[in-house]
Amino acid sequence: MDKKAVLVIISDFRKILEASGVRPQKLVLFGSFANGNEHQDSDIDIAVISEDFEGKGYWERIDLLSDAIYKIFKPIEAVAMTPKEWQQNDSLIANYARGGEVVYG
């Protein structure tokens, strides 16, 4: 899968999220597709930054993302963060994702 195909998948993923009530302020591609080290079995790593995750627990966020991933049926690995968490979270995954490529927002 080339980068152009990945960007189309991400755009479709965003539309599915929006239809389910999650309005991303930003989508960040990180991992192998962002740094050009993808291989045949690579998944698409995406950080979804949305105010709609505010007040939602970890599992509720996972459910929202999983439903969208199921509908698009593509190899997506997504992480959900609020804008505040994106700016202030010091977790390993947040720090790694911040080094990615903003593909929306």
Protein backbone atom coordinates (compact mmCIF):
# COMPACT_ATOMS: atom_id res chain seq x y z
CA MET A 1 0.00 0.00 0.00
CA ASP A 2 1.44 3.38 -0.95
CA LYS A 3 1.14 6.69 0.90
CA LYS A 4 -1.61 7.97 -1.41
CA ALA A 5 -3.75 4.93 -0.61
CA VAL A 6 -3.09 5.44 3.11
CA LEU A 7 -4.27 9.06 2.88
CA VAL A 8 -7.48 7.96 1.14
CA ILE A 9 -8.10 5.40 3.90
CA ILE A 10 -7.51 8.06 6.56
CA SER A 11 -9.95 10.41 4.83
CA ASP A 12 -12.59 7.65 4.73
CA PHE A 13 -11.88 6.85 8.40
CA ARG A 14 -12.41 10.53 9.30
CA LYS A 15 -15.78 10.56 7.52
CA ILE A 16 -16.89 7.44 9.40
CA LEU A 17 -15.80 8.99 12.70
CA GLU A 18 -17.72 12.17 11.90
CA ALA A 19 -20.84 10.16 11.02
CA SER A 20 -20.60 8.50 14.44
CA GLY A 21 -20.36 11.86 16.23
CA VAL A 22 -16.59 12.16 16.65
CA ARG A 23 -15.33 15.35 14.99
CA PRO A 24 -11.55 15.20 14.76
CA GLN A 25 -9.72 18.50 15.12
CA LYS A 26 -6.56 16.75 14.00
CA LEU A 27 -5.47 13.38 12.60
CA VAL A 28 -1.80 12.50 12.89
CA LEU A 29 -0.21 9.66 10.97
CA PHE A 30 2.68 8.16 12.90
CA GLY A 31 4.69 4.96 12.85
CA SER A 32 6.02 3.18 9.80
CA PHE A 33 3.86 4.91 7.17
CA ALA A 34 4.81 8.34 8.50
CA ASN A 35 8.54 7.65 8.53
CA GLY A 36 8.69 5.63 5.31
CA ASN A 37 9.57 2.29 6.92
CA GLU A 38 6.33 0.49 6.13
CA HIS A 39 6.29 -3.12 5.02
CA GLN A 40 3.63 -5.51 3.73
CA ASP A 41 2.15 -6.17 7.18
CA SER A 42 2.28 -2.60 8.49
CA ASP A 43 -0.82 -1.12 10.03
CA ILE A 44 -1.81 2.54 9.77
CA ASP A 45 -1.09 4.30 13.07
CA ILE A 46 -3.31 7.34 13.64
CA ALA A 47 -3.71 9.71 16.56
CA VAL A 48 -7.25 11.09 16.62
CA ILE A 49 -7.44 14.40 18.47
CA SER A 50 -10.98 15.48 19.26
CA GLU A 51 -12.83 17.46 21.91
CA ASP A 52 -15.51 14.78 21.63
CA PHE A 53 -13.32 12.46 23.74
CA GLU A 54 -13.57 14.86 26.69
CA GLY A 55 -15.19 13.12 29.66
CA LYS A 56 -15.03 9.70 28.02
CA GLY A 57 -13.04 6.91 29.61
CA TYR A 58 -10.44 4.75 27.92
CA TRP A 59 -12.83 1.94 26.98
CA GLU A 60 -15.52 4.26 25.65
CA ARG A 61 -12.93 5.89 23.41
CA ILE A 62 -11.72 2.48 22.26
CA ASP A 63 -15.31 1.50 21.42
CA LEU A 64 -15.78 4.62 19.28
CA LEU A 65 -12.54 4.07 17.38
CA SER A 66 -13.09 0.31 17.05
CA ASP A 67 -16.55 0.81 15.55
CA ALA A 68 -15.09 3.10 12.88
CA ILE A 69 -12.19 0.72 12.21
CA TYR A 70 -14.63 -2.18 11.87
CA LYS A 71 -16.72 -0.23 9.35
CA ILE A 72 -13.74 0.72 7.19
CA PHE A 73 -12.18 -2.75 7.57
CA LYS A 74 -8.60 -1.57 7.05
CA PRO A 75 -5.46 -2.20 9.17
CA ILE A 76 -5.78 0.89 11.37
CA GLU A 77 -4.38 1.25 14.88
CA ALA A 78 -5.81 4.42 16.40
CA VAL A 79 -5.29 6.28 19.65
CA ALA A 80 -7.79 8.83 21.00
CA MET A 81 -6.82 12.06 22.74
CA THR A 82 -8.42 15.36 23.62
CA PRO A 83 -6.60 18.50 22.43
CA LYS A 84 -5.43 19.11 26.00
CA GLU A 85 -4.07 15.56 26.28
CA TRP A 86 -2.33 15.99 22.92
CA GLN A 87 -0.55 19.06 24.24
CA GLN A 88 0.17 17.87 27.78
CA ASN A 89 0.23 14.07 27.84
CA ASP A 90 3.74 12.79 28.44
CA SER A 91 3.06 9.14 27.65
CA LEU A 92 5.30 7.17 25.33
CA ILE A 93 2.61 6.89 22.65
CA ALA A 94 1.75 10.61 22.77
CA ASN A 95 5.40 11.59 22.45
CA TYR A 96 5.86 9.16 19.56
CA ALA A 97 2.71 10.36 17.78
CA ARG A 98 3.74 14.02 18.09
CA GLY A 99 6.66 13.18 15.81
CA GLY A 100 4.22 12.08 13.11
CA GLU A 101 2.65 13.85 10.16
CA VAL A 102 -0.53 15.90 10.53
CA VAL A 103 -2.78 14.66 7.73
CA TYR A 104 -5.94 16.50 8.79
CA GLY A 105 -6.57 19.65 10.79
